[in-house]
PDB file of N, CA and C in Angstrom:
ATOM      1  N   UNK A   1     255.915 -19.422 143.339  1.00  0.00           N
ATOM      2  CA  UNK A   1     254.764 -18.917 144.250  1.00  0.00           C
ATOM      3  C   UNK A   1     253.838 -20.641 143.725  1.00  0.00           C
ATOM      4  N   UNK A   2     253.608 -20.774 145.101  1.00  0.00           N
ATOM      5  CA  UNK A   2     252.540 -21.642 144.822  1.00  0.00           C
ATOM      6  C   UNK A   2     251.088 -21.668 145.917  1.00  0.00           C
ATOM      7  N   UNK A   3     250.337 -22.370 145.975  1.00  0.00           N
ATOM      8  CA  UNK A   3     249.495 -22.889 146.903  1.00  0.00           C
ATOM      9  C   UNK A   3     249.335 -23.448 147.884  1.00  0.00           C
ATOM     10  N   UNK A   4     248.829 -23.464 149.337  1.00  0.00           N
ATOM     11  CA  UNK A   4     248.936 -24.509 149.784  1.00  0.00           C
ATOM     12  C   UNK A   4     247.617 -24.751 150.404  1.00  0.00           C
ATOM     13  N   UNK A   5     247.772 -26.177 151.066  1.00  0.00           N
ATOM     14  CA  UNK A   5     245.935 -26.472 151.799  1.00  0.00           C
ATOM     15  C   UNK A   5     246.405 -26.018 153.146  1.00  0.00           C
ATOM     16  N   UNK A   6     245.839 -25.825 153.700  1.00  0.00           N
ATOM     17  CA  UNK A   6     245.604 -24.977 155.428  1.00  0.00           C
ATOM     18  C   UNK A   6     244.624 -26.388 156.510  1.00  0.00           C
ATOM     19  N   UNK A   7     244.367 -26.063 157.837  1.00  0.00           N
ATOM     20  CA  UNK A   7     243.737 -26.764 158.012  1.00  0.00           C
ATOM     21  C   UNK A   7     242.355 -26.754 158.222  1.00  0.00           C
ATOM     22  N   UNK A   8     241.981 -25.795 157.490  1.00  0.00           N
ATOM     23  CA  UNK A   8     240.369 -25.547 157.373  1.00  0.00           C
ATOM     24  C   UNK A   8     239.704 -26.198 156.585  1.00  0.00           C
ATOM     25  N   UNK A   9     240.631 -27.479 155.850  1.00  0.00           N
ATOM     26  CA  UNK A   9     240.543 -28.652 154.911  1.00  0.00           C
ATOM     27  C   UNK A   9     239.976 -29.869 155.605  1.00  0.00           C
ATOM     28  N   UNK A  10     240.456 -29.718 156.789  1.00  0.00           N
ATOM     29  CA  UNK A  10     240.799 -31.254 158.031  1.00  0.00           C
ATOM     30  C   UNK A  10     238.800 -31.441 158.018  1.00  0.00           C
ATOM     31  N   UNK A  11     238.507 -32.746 157.761  1.00  0.00           N
ATOM     32  CA  UNK A  11     237.634 -33.243 158.335  1.00  0.00           C
ATOM     33  C   UNK A  11     236.443 -32.270 156.982  1.00  0.00           C
ATOM     34  N   UNK A  12     237.172 -31.224 155.811  1.00  0.00           N
ATOM     35  CA  UNK A  12     236.138 -30.862 155.274  1.00  0.00           C
ATOM     36  C   UNK A  12     236.217 -31.461 154.111  1.00  0.00           C
ATOM     37  N   UNK A  13     236.884 -31.856 153.582  1.00  0.00           N
ATOM     38  CA  UNK A  13     238.196 -32.299 151.971  1.00  0.00           C
ATOM     39  C   UNK A  13     236.746 -32.470 151.291  1.00  0.00           C
ATOM     40  N   UNK A  14     235.941 -30.937 150.696  1.00  0.00           N
ATOM     41  CA  UNK A  14     235.466 -31.106 149.674  1.00  0.00           C
ATOM     42  C   UNK A  14     235.759 -31.598 148.382  1.00  0.00           C
ATOM     43  N   UNK A  15     236.962 -31.186 147.955  1.00  0.00           N
ATOM     44  CA  UNK A  15     237.422 -31.875 146.543  1.00  0.00           C
ATOM     45  C   UNK A  15     237.059 -31.369 145.133  1.00  0.00           C
ATOM     46  N   UNK A  16     236.374 -30.306 145.272  1.00  0.00           N
ATOM     47  CA  UNK A  16     236.059 -29.276 144.591  1.00  0.00           C
ATOM     48  C   UNK A  16     237.442 -28.482 143.736  1.00  0.00           C
ATOM     49  N   UNK A  17     238.215 -28.362 144.177  1.00  0.00           N
ATOM     50  CA  UNK A  17     239.431 -28.123 143.944  1.00  0.00           C
ATOM     51  C   UNK A  17     240.328 -28.736 143.258  1.00  0.00           C
ATOM     52  N   UNK A  18     239.918 -30.210 142.929  1.00  0.00           N
ATOM     53  CA  UNK A  18     240.827 -31.012 142.357  1.00  0.00           C
ATOM     54  C   UNK A  18     240.423 -30.941 140.641  1.00  0.00           C
ATOM     55  N   UNK A  19     238.806 -30.742 140.687  1.00  0.00           N
ATOM     56  CA  UNK A  19     238.119 -30.618 139.892  1.00  0.00           C
ATOM     57  C   UNK A  19     239.271 -29.435 138.357  1.00  0.00           C
ATOM     58  N   UNK A  20     239.067 -29.036 139.379  1.00  0.00           N
ATOM     59  CA  UNK A  20     239.704 -27.749 138.310  1.00  0.00           C
ATOM     60  C   UNK A  20     241.194 -27.036 137.852  1.00  0.00           C
ATOM     61  N   UNK A  21     242.093 -28.125 138.804  1.00  0.00           N
ATOM     62  CA  UNK A  21     243.682 -27.974 138.873  1.00  0.00           C
ATOM     63  C   UNK A  21     244.295 -28.666 137.249  1.00  0.00           C
ATOM     64  N   UNK A  22     244.598 -27.660 136.255  1.00  0.00           N
ATOM     65  CA  UNK A  22     245.196 -28.582 135.183  1.00  0.00           C
ATOM     66  C   UNK A  22     246.199 -29.094 135.564  1.00  0.00           C
ATOM     67  N   UNK A  23     247.063 -29.659 136.501  1.00  0.00           N
ATOM     68  CA  UNK A  23     248.406 -29.743 136.763  1.00  0.00           C
ATOM     69  C   UNK A  23     248.369 -31.012 137.596  1.00  0.00           C
ATOM     70  N   UNK A  24     247.063 -31.440 138.027  1.00  0.00           N
ATOM     71  CA  UNK A  24     247.231 -32.344 138.864  1.00  0.00           C
ATOM     72  C   UNK A  24     247.712 -32.556 140.208  1.00  0.00           C
ATOM     73  N   UNK A  25     247.870 -31.668 140.975  1.00  0.00           N
ATOM     74  CA  UNK A  25     248.811 -31.324 141.778  1.00  0.00           C
ATOM     75  C   UNK A  25     248.563 -31.687 143.239  1.00  0.00           C
ATOM     76  N   UNK A  26     247.323 -32.283 143.593  1.00  0.00           N
ATOM     77  CA  UNK A  26     246.356 -32.112 144.590  1.00  0.00           C
ATOM     78  C   UNK A  26     246.629 -33.846 145.577  1.00  0.00           C
ATOM     79  N   UNK A  27     246.411 -34.198 146.553  1.00  0.00           N
ATOM     80  CA  UNK A  27     247.098 -35.387 147.181  1.00  0.00           C
ATOM     81  C   UNK A  27     245.627 -35.740 148.306  1.00  0.00           C
ATOM     82  N   UNK A  28     245.815 -37.127 148.558  1.00  0.00           N
ATOM     83  CA  UNK A  28     244.756 -37.139 149.369  1.00  0.00           C
ATOM     84  C   UNK A  28     244.824 -37.881 150.964  1.00  0.00           C
ATOM     85  N   UNK A  29     244.932 -37.136 151.824  1.00  0.00           N
ATOM     86  CA  UNK A  29     245.237 -37.881 152.926  1.00  0.00           C
ATOM     87  C   UNK A  29     243.434 -38.577 153.188  1.00  0.00           C
ATOM     88  N   UNK A  30     243.661 -38.772 154.787  1.00  0.00           N
ATOM     89  CA  UNK A  30     242.537 -39.167 155.179  1.00  0.00           C
ATOM     90  C   UNK A  30     241.583 -38.447 155.607  1.00  0.00           C
ATOM     91  N   UNK A  31     241.948 -37.441 155.651  1.00  0.00           N
ATOM     92  CA  UNK A  31     240.528 -36.262 155.816  1.00  0.00           C
ATOM     93  C   UNK A  31     241.382 -34.856 155.405  1.00  0.00           C
ATOM     94  N   UNK A  32     242.198 -34.690 155.072  1.00  0.00           N
ATOM     95  CA  UNK A  32     242.480 -33.833 154.234  1.00  0.00           C
ATOM     96  C   UNK A  32     243.261 -33.984 152.505  1.00  0.00           C
ATOM     97  N   UNK A  33     243.592 -32.599 151.868  1.00  0.00           N
ATOM     98  CA  UNK A  33     243.750 -32.688 151.091  1.00  0.00           C
ATOM     99  C   UNK A  33     245.316 -31.996 151.520  1.00  0.00           C
ATOM    100  N   UNK A  34     246.312 -32.200 149.955  1.00  0.00           N
ATOM    101  CA  UNK A  34     247.019 -31.297 150.420  1.00  0.00           C
ATOM    102  C   UNK A  34     247.781 -31.125 148.527  1.00  0.00           C
ATOM    103  N   UNK A  35     248.554 -29.730 148.603  1.00  0.00           N
ATOM    104  CA  UNK A  35     249.304 -29.499 147.120  1.00  0.00           C
ATOM    105  C   UNK A  35     250.374 -29.896 147.027  1.00  0.00           C
ATOM    106  N   UNK A  36     251.165 -30.636 145.917  1.00  0.00           N
ATOM    107  CA  UNK A  36     252.365 -30.632 145.978  1.00  0.00           C
ATOM    108  C   UNK A  36     252.753 -29.581 145.304  1.00  0.00           C
ATOM    109  N   UNK A  37     253.779 -28.266 146.484  1.00  0.00           N
ATOM    110  CA  UNK A  37     253.986 -27.160 145.933  1.00  0.00           C
ATOM    111  C   UNK A  37     255.288 -27.074 144.780  1.00  0.00           C
ATOM    112  N   UNK A  38     255.922 -28.452 144.595  1.00  0.00           N
ATOM    113  CA  UNK A  38     256.870 -28.273 143.226  1.00  0.00           C
ATOM    114  C   UNK A  38     256.064 -28.314 141.987  1.00  0.00           C
ATOM    115  N   UNK A  39     255.194 -28.732 142.119  1.00  0.00           N
ATOM    116  CA  UNK A  39     254.534 -29.178 141.090  1.00  0.00           C
ATOM    117  C   UNK A  39     253.020 -28.059 140.230  1.00  0.00           C
ATOM    118  N   UNK A  40     252.767 -27.377 141.537  1.00  0.00           N
ATOM    119  CA  UNK A  40     251.339 -26.139 141.720  1.00  0.00           C
ATOM    120  C   UNK A  40     252.519 -24.888 140.770  1.00  0.00           C
ATOM    121  N   UNK A  41     251.319 -24.684 139.618  1.00  0.00           N
ATOM    122  CA  UNK A  41     251.902 -23.390 138.731  1.00  0.00           C
ATOM    123  C   UNK A  41     251.248 -22.535 138.750  1.00  0.00           C
ATOM    124  N   UNK A  42     250.902 -22.146 140.317  1.00  0.00           N
ATOM    125  CA  UNK A  42     250.279 -21.117 140.725  1.00  0.00           C
ATOM    126  C   UNK A  42     249.327 -20.124 139.857  1.00  0.00           C
ATOM    127  N   UNK A  43     248.019 -20.785 138.948  1.00  0.00           N
ATOM    128  CA  UNK A  43     247.483 -20.617 137.931  1.00  0.00           C
ATOM    129  C   UNK A  43     245.616 -20.089 139.374  1.00  0.00           C
ATOM    130  N   UNK A  44     246.214 -20.734 140.281  1.00  0.00           N
ATOM    131  CA  UNK A  44     244.732 -20.278 141.362  1.00  0.00           C
ATOM    132  C   UNK A  44     243.230 -20.244 141.238  1.00  0.00           C
ATOM    133  N   UNK A  45     243.160 -21.571 139.793  1.00  0.00           N
ATOM    134  CA  UNK A  45     241.935 -21.656 139.858  1.00  0.00           C
ATOM    135  C   UNK A  45     241.196 -22.398 141.161  1.00  0.00           C
ATOM    136  N   UNK A  46     241.795 -23.211 142.185  1.00  0.00           N
ATOM    137  CA  UNK A  46     242.025 -23.679 142.844  1.00  0.00           C
ATOM    138  C   UNK A  46     241.001 -22.811 144.331  1.00  0.00           C
ATOM    139  N   UNK A  47     241.483 -22.246 144.354  1.00  0.00           N
ATOM    140  CA  UNK A  47     241.242 -20.996 145.638  1.00  0.00           C
ATOM    141  C   UNK A  47     240.267 -20.899 145.572  1.00  0.00           C
ATOM    142  N   UNK A  48     239.015 -20.292 144.163  1.00  0.00           N
ATOM    143  CA  UNK A  48     237.708 -19.912 144.898  1.00  0.00           C
ATOM    144  C   UNK A  48     237.305 -20.981 144.921  1.00  0.00           C
ATOM    145  N   UNK A  49     237.310 -22.319 144.242  1.00  0.00           N
ATOM    146  CA  UNK A  49     236.459 -23.530 144.630  1.00  0.00           C
ATOM    147  C   UNK A  49     236.562 -23.703 146.293  1.00  0.00           C
ATOM    148  N   UNK A  50     236.995 -23.403 146.712  1.00  0.00           N
ATOM    149  CA  UNK A  50     237.757 -24.400 147.969  1.00  0.00           C
ATOM    150  C   UNK A  50     236.503 -23.423 148.797  1.00  0.00           C
ATOM    151  N   UNK A  51     235.032 -24.619 149.170  1.00  0.00           N
ATOM    152  CA  UNK A  51     234.099 -23.709 150.016  1.00  0.00           C
ATOM    153  C   UNK A  51     234.476 -23.715 151.686  1.00  0.00           C
ATOM    154  N   UNK A  52     235.664 -23.949 152.152  1.00  0.00           N
ATOM    155  CA  UNK A  52     236.242 -24.143 153.534  1.00  0.00           C
ATOM    156  C   UNK A  52     237.518 -22.813 153.064  1.00  0.00           C
ATOM    157  N   UNK A  53     237.962 -22.670 152.298  1.00  0.00           N
ATOM    158  CA  UNK A  53     238.327 -21.598 152.191  1.00  0.00           C
ATOM    159  C   UNK A  53     239.874 -22.008 153.174  1.00  0.00           C
ATOM    160  N   UNK A  54     240.246 -23.066 152.436  1.00  0.00           N
ATOM    161  CA  UNK A  54     241.150 -23.632 153.052  1.00  0.00           C
ATOM    162  C   UNK A  54     242.309 -23.755 152.493  1.00  0.00           C
ATOM    163  N   UNK A  55     242.562 -22.868 150.825  1.00  0.00           N
ATOM    164  CA  UNK A  55     243.629 -23.012 150.116  1.00  0.00           C
ATOM    165  C   UNK A  55     244.022 -21.057 149.711  1.00  0.00           C
ATOM    166  N   UNK A  56     245.208 -21.067 150.020  1.00  0.00           N
ATOM    167  CA  UNK A  56     245.956 -19.482 150.055  1.00  0.00           C
ATOM    168  C   UNK A  56     246.731 -19.928 149.004  1.00  0.00           C
ATOM    169  N   UNK A  57     247.659 -18.567 149.048  1.00  0.00           N
ATOM    170  CA  UNK A  57     248.348 -18.568 148.304  1.00  0.00           C
ATOM    171  C   UNK A  57     250.220 -19.162 149.349  1.00  0.00           C
ATOM    172  N   UNK A  58     251.011 -19.048 148.621  1.00  0.00           N
ATOM    173  CA  UNK A  58     252.174 -19.012 149.469  1.00  0.00           C
ATOM    174  C   UNK A  58     252.653 -17.534 149.639  1.00  0.00           C
ATOM    175  N   UNK A  59     251.733 -16.436 149.090  1.00  0.00           N
ATOM    176  CA  UNK A  59     252.203 -14.992 149.886  1.00  0.00           C
ATOM    177  C   UNK A  59     251.198 -14.434 151.611  1.00  0.00           C
ATOM    178  N   UNK A  60     250.281 -15.109 151.647  1.00  0.00           N
ATOM    179  CA  UNK A  60     249.130 -15.231 152.536  1.00  0.00           C
ATOM    180  C   UNK A  60     250.413 -15.701 154.531  1.00  0.00           C
ATOM    181  N   UNK A  61     249.754 -14.841 154.901  1.00  0.00           N
ATOM    182  CA  UNK A  61     250.643 -14.665 156.313  1.00  0.00           C
ATOM    183  C   UNK A  61     250.435 -16.382 156.763  1.00  0.00           C
ATOM    184  N   UNK A  62     249.495 -17.387 156.861  1.00  0.00           N
ATOM    185  CA  UNK A  62     249.043 -18.029 157.302  1.00  0.00           C
ATOM    186  C   UNK A  62     249.945 -19.170 156.531  1.00  0.00           C
ATOM    187  N   UNK A  63     250.629 -19.048 155.361  1.00  0.00           N
ATOM    188  CA  UNK A  63     250.901 -20.117 154.622  1.00  0.00           C
ATOM    189  C   UNK A  63     252.302 -20.841 154.402  1.00  0.00           C
ATOM    190  N   UNK A  64     253.245 -19.956 155.310  1.00  0.00           N
ATOM    191  CA  UNK A  64     254.506 -20.413 155.454  1.00  0.00           C
ATOM    192  C   UNK A  64     254.701 -22.075 156.386  1.00  0.00           C
ATOM    193  N   UNK A  65     253.255 -21.666 157.205  1.00  0.00           N
ATOM    194  CA  UNK A  65     253.604 -22.810 158.164  1.00  0.00           C
ATOM    195  C   UNK A  65     252.724 -24.202 157.957  1.00  0.00           C
ATOM    196  N   UNK A  66     252.016 -24.067 156.617  1.00  0.00           N
ATOM    197  CA  UNK A  66     251.832 -25.105 155.722  1.00  0.00           C
ATOM    198  C   UNK A  66     252.605 -25.795 154.491  1.00  0.00           C
ATOM    199  N   UNK A  67     253.621 -24.755 154.312  1.00  0.00           N
ATOM    200  CA  UNK A  67     254.065 -25.468 153.142  1.00  0.00           C
ATOM    201  C   UNK A  67     254.682 -26.618 153.100  1.00  0.00           C
ATOM    202  N   UNK A  68     255.621 -26.883 154.415  1.00  0.00           N
ATOM    203  CA  UNK A  68     256.364 -28.015 154.352  1.00  0.00           C
ATOM    204  C   UNK A  68     255.264 -28.901 154.216  1.00  0.00           C
ATOM    205  N   UNK A  69     254.176 -28.975 155.517  1.00  0.00           N
ATOM    206  CA  UNK A  69     252.971 -29.938 155.030  1.00  0.00           C
ATOM    207  C   UNK A  69     252.569 -30.348 154.243  1.00  0.00           C
ATOM    208  N   UNK A  70     252.453 -29.721 153.232  1.00  0.00           N
ATOM    209  CA  UNK A  70     251.656 -30.095 152.101  1.00  0.00           C
ATOM    210  C   UNK A  70     252.929 -30.882 150.898  1.00  0.00           C
ATOM    211  N   UNK A  71     254.289 -30.458 151.057  1.00  0.00           N
ATOM    212  CA  UNK A  71     255.761 -30.930 150.104  1.00  0.00           C
ATOM    213  C   UNK A  71     255.332 -32.047 151.281  1.00  0.00           C
ATOM    214  N   UNK A  72     255.661 -32.303 152.461  1.00  0.00           N
ATOM    215  CA  UNK A  72     255.699 -33.953 153.213  1.00  0.00           C
ATOM    216  C   UNK A  72     254.594 -34.924 152.948  1.00  0.00           C
ATOM    217  N   UNK A  73     253.833 -34.367 153.075  1.00  0.00           N
ATOM    218  CA  UNK A  73     252.306 -35.660 152.518  1.00  0.00           C
ATOM    219  C   UNK A  73     252.159 -35.438 151.145  1.00  0.00           C
ATOM    220  N   UNK A  74     252.647 -34.427 150.423  1.00  0.00           N
ATOM    221  CA  UNK A  74     252.596 -34.792 148.966  1.00  0.00           C
ATOM    222  C   UNK A  74     253.024 -35.875 148.448  1.00  0.00           C
ATOM    223  N   UNK A  75     254.276 -36.242 148.765  1.00  0.00           N
ATOM    224  CA  UNK A  75     255.642 -37.594 148.863  1.00  0.00           C
ATOM    225  C   UNK A  75     254.498 -38.352 149.321  1.00  0.00           C
ATOM    226  N   UNK A  76     253.959 -38.373 150.300  1.00  0.00           N
ATOM    227  CA  UNK A  76     253.754 -39.973 150.543  1.00  0.00           C
ATOM    228  C   UNK A  76     251.915 -40.275 150.637  1.00  0.00           C
ATOM    229  N   UNK A  77     251.420 -39.437 149.835  1.00  0.00           N
ATOM    230  CA  UNK A  77     249.817 -39.719 149.549  1.00  0.00           C
ATOM    231  C   UNK A  77     249.564 -40.036 148.314  1.00  0.00           C
ATOM    232  N   UNK A  78     248.519 -40.445 147.921  1.00  0.00           N
ATOM    233  CA  UNK A  78     248.510 -40.743 146.227  1.00  0.00           C
ATOM    234  C   UNK A  78     247.394 -39.834 145.756  1.00  0.00           C
ATOM    235  N   UNK A  79     248.213 -39.269 144.441  1.00  0.00           N
ATOM    236  CA  UNK A  79     247.550 -38.326 143.830  1.00  0.00           C
ATOM    237  C   UNK A  79     246.184 -38.274 143.537  1.00  0.00           C
ATOM    238  N   UNK A  80     245.439 -37.198 143.631  1.00  0.00           N
ATOM    239  CA  UNK A  80     243.771 -37.138 143.331  1.00  0.00           C
ATOM    240  C   UNK A  80     243.928 -36.360 141.628  1.00  0.00           C
ATOM    241  N   UNK A  81     243.143 -36.869 141.256  1.00  0.00           N
ATOM    242  CA  UNK A  81     243.099 -36.215 139.795  1.00  0.00           C
ATOM    243  C   UNK A  81     240.899 -35.990 139.626  1.00  0.00           C
ATOM    244  N   UNK A  82     240.325 -36.419 140.203  1.00  0.00           N
ATOM    245  CA  UNK A  82     239.398 -35.958 139.794  1.00  0.00           C
ATOM    246  C   UNK A  82     238.439 -36.453 141.497  1.00  0.00           C
ATOM    247  N   UNK A  83     237.195 -35.263 141.312  1.00  0.00           N
ATOM    248  CA  UNK A  83     236.745 -35.255 142.825  1.00  0.00           C
ATOM    249  C   UNK A  83     236.043 -36.359 143.285  1.00  0.00           C
ATOM    250  N   UNK A  84     235.961 -36.675 144.567  1.00  0.00           N
ATOM    251  CA  UNK A  84     234.871 -37.981 144.965  1.00  0.00           C
ATOM    252  C   UNK A  84     233.994 -37.406 145.581  1.00  0.00           C
ATOM    253  N   UNK A  85     233.327 -38.078 146.930  1.00  0.00           N
ATOM    254  CA  UNK A  85     232.406 -37.059 147.893  1.00  0.00           C
ATOM    255  C   UNK A  85     232.819 -36.741 148.936  1.00  0.00           C
ATOM    256  N   UNK A  86     232.613 -35.635 149.261  1.00  0.00           N
ATOM    257  CA  UNK A  86     232.942 -35.118 150.403  1.00  0.00           C
ATOM    258  C   UNK A  86     232.456 -35.600 151.743  1.00  0.00           C
ATOM    259  N   UNK A  87     232.958 -35.545 153.127  1.00  0.00           N
ATOM    260  CA  UNK A  87     232.114 -36.691 154.058  1.00  0.00           C
ATOM    261  C   UNK A  87     230.624 -35.995 154.282  1.00  0.00           C
ATOM    262  N   UNK A  88     230.267 -37.008 154.869  1.00  0.00           N
ATOM    263  CA  UNK A  88     228.972 -36.443 154.822  1.00  0.00           C
ATOM    264  C   UNK A  88     228.560 -35.442 155.507  1.00  0.00           C
ATOM    265  N   UNK A  89     229.650 -35.291 156.732  1.00  0.00           N
ATOM    266  CA  UNK A  89     229.181 -33.710 157.414  1.00  0.00           C
ATOM    267  C   UNK A  89     230.637 -33.202 157.970  1.00  0.00           C
ATOM    268  N   UNK A  90     230.995 -32.326 156.425  1.00  0.00           N
ATOM    269  CA  UNK A  90     231.999 -31.622 156.038  1.00  0.00           C
ATOM    270  C   UNK A  90     231.337 -30.498 156.353  1.00  0.00           C
ATOM    271  N   UNK A  91     229.987 -29.972 156.102  1.00  0.00           N
ATOM    272  CA  UNK A  91     229.543 -28.326 156.595  1.00  0.00           C
ATOM    273  C   UNK A  91     229.539 -28.333 157.605  1.00  0.00           C
ATOM    274  N   UNK A  92     229.340 -28.920 158.532  1.00  0.00           N
ATOM    275  CA  UNK A  92     229.699 -28.815 159.746  1.00  0.00           C
ATOM    276  C   UNK A  92     231.152 -28.838 160.659  1.00  0.00           C
ATOM    277  N   UNK A  93     232.315 -29.002 159.713  1.00  0.00           N
ATOM    278  CA  UNK A  93     233.326 -29.273 160.226  1.00  0.00           C
ATOM    279  C   UNK A  93     233.838 -27.391 159.733  1.00  0.00           C
ATOM    280  N   UNK A  94     233.163 -26.927 158.471  1.00  0.00           N
ATOM    281  CA  UNK A  94     233.969 -25.652 157.825  1.00  0.00           C
ATOM    282  C   UNK A  94     234.192 -24.579 158.696  1.00  0.00           C
ATOM    283  N   UNK A  95     233.327 -24.479 159.518  1.00  0.00           N
ATOM    284  CA  UNK A  95     233.538 -23.352 160.483  1.00  0.00           C
ATOM    285  C   UNK A  95     234.549 -23.559 161.746  1.00  0.00           C
ATOM    286  N   UNK A  96     234.881 -24.635 161.974  1.00  0.00           N
ATOM    287  CA  UNK A  96     235.536 -25.191 163.454  1.00  0.00           C
ATOM    288  C   UNK A  96     237.215 -24.846 163.028  1.00  0.00           C
ATOM    289  N   UNK A  97     237.478 -23.740 164.021  1.00  0.00           N
ATOM    290  CA  UNK A  97     238.725 -23.499 164.069  1.00  0.00           C
ATOM    291  C   UNK A  97     239.391 -24.547 165.270  1.00  0.00           C
ATOM    292  N   UNK A  98     241.133 -24.154 164.573  1.00  0.00           N
ATOM    293  CA  UNK A  98     242.010 -25.129 165.272  1.00  0.00           C
ATOM    294  C   UNK A  98     242.091 -26.200 165.395  1.00  0.00           C
ATOM    295  N   UNK A  99     241.811 -26.867 164.323  1.00  0.00           N
ATOM    296  CA  UNK A  99     241.591 -29.104 164.110  1.00  0.00           C
ATOM    297  C   UNK A  99     242.391 -29.260 163.605  1.00  0.00           C
ATOM    298  N   UNK A 100     243.891 -28.974 163.514  1.00  0.00           N
ATOM    299  CA  UNK A 100     245.316 -29.635 163.302  1.00  0.00           C
ATOM    300  C   UNK A 100     245.400 -30.460 164.439  1.00  0.00           C
ATOM    301  N   UNK A 101     245.687 -30.000 165.393  1.00  0.00           N
ATOM    302  CA  UNK A 101     246.313 -30.681 166.882  1.00  0.00           C
ATOM    303  C   UNK A 101     245.220 -32.077 167.324  1.00  0.00           C
ATOM    304  N   UNK A 102     243.793 -31.324 167.186  1.00  0.00           N
ATOM    305  CA  UNK A 102     242.652 -32.370 166.960  1.00  0.00           C
ATOM    306  C   UNK A 102     242.370 -33.098 166.031  1.00  0.00           C
ATOM    307  N   UNK A 103     242.490 -32.899 165.004  1.00  0.00           N
ATOM    308  CA  UNK A 103     242.213 -34.014 163.970  1.00  0.00           C
ATOM    309  C   UNK A 103     243.233 -34.264 162.842  1.00  0.00           C
ATOM    310  N   UNK A 104     243.874 -33.887 162.830  1.00  0.00           N
ATOM    311  CA  UNK A 104     244.796 -34.017 161.439  1.00  0.00           C
ATOM    312  C   UNK A 104     244.982 -35.343 161.676  1.00  0.00           C
ATOM    313  N   UNK A 105     245.182 -35.991 160.217  1.00  0.00           N
ATOM    314  CA  UNK A 105     245.193 -37.747 160.110  1.00  0.00           C
ATOM    315  C   UNK A 105     246.613 -37.751 159.131  1.00  0.00           C
ATOM    316  N   UNK A 106     247.318 -38.368 159.655  1.00  0.00           N
ATOM    317  CA  UNK A 106     248.538 -38.704 158.613  1.00  0.00           C
ATOM    318  C   UNK A 106     248.332 -39.742 157.431  1.00  0.00           C
ATOM    319  N   UNK A 107     247.484 -40.026 157.998  1.00  0.00           N
ATOM    320  CA  UNK A 107     247.182 -41.646 156.791  1.00  0.00           C
ATOM    321  C   UNK A 107     246.637 -41.068 155.757  1.00  0.00           C
ATOM    322  N   UNK A 108     247.006 -41.960 154.417  1.00  0.00           N
ATOM    323  CA  UNK A 108     246.192 -41.595 153.297  1.00  0.00           C
ATOM    324  C   UNK A 108     245.178 -41.802 152.981  1.00  0.00           C
ATOM    325  N   UNK A 109     244.336 -41.046 152.070  1.00  0.00           N
ATOM    326  CA  UNK A 109     243.213 -41.308 151.714  1.00  0.00           C
ATOM    327  C   UNK A 109     243.093 -42.524 150.205  1.00  0.00           C
ATOM    328  N   UNK A 110     242.317 -42.424 150.175  1.00  0.00           N
ATOM    329  CA  UNK A 110     242.101 -43.376 148.770  1.00  0.00           C
ATOM    330  C   UNK A 110     241.932 -42.196 147.478  1.00  0.00           C
ATOM    331  N   UNK A 111     241.676 -42.187 146.028  1.00  0.00           N
ATOM    332  CA  UNK A 111     242.129 -41.815 145.031  1.00  0.00           C
ATOM    333  C   UNK A 111     241.044 -41.879 144.328  1.00  0.00           C
ATOM    334  N   UNK A 112     240.149 -42.920 144.469  1.00  0.00           N
ATOM    335  CA  UNK A 112     239.022 -43.564 144.249  1.00  0.00           C
ATOM    336  C   UNK A 112     237.468 -42.578 144.181  1.00  0.00           C
TER     337      UNK A 112
END
């Protein structure tokens, strides 16, 4: 079992989850994070830390659509091990639905 990041993270990217992850399995894109499903130890500490409720266990109904995306981009984006600054307008994007088709970026982020 693993946890995955869903589209609710897009344009929010709060990164509170990164601070609590004991195995550093988060990877950073330009406007969202992903979890490497093969590195996640299923501890679940990241899920309650996400203000956007973007992290779900793979047993959640919406998770199957996100496991492959998380795996793919975890292999392409840099690993992030400490919390950075979220976007200034993150709170405005937190409740926006259907962000993937309109706003998802394949570009890597920075781990600084």
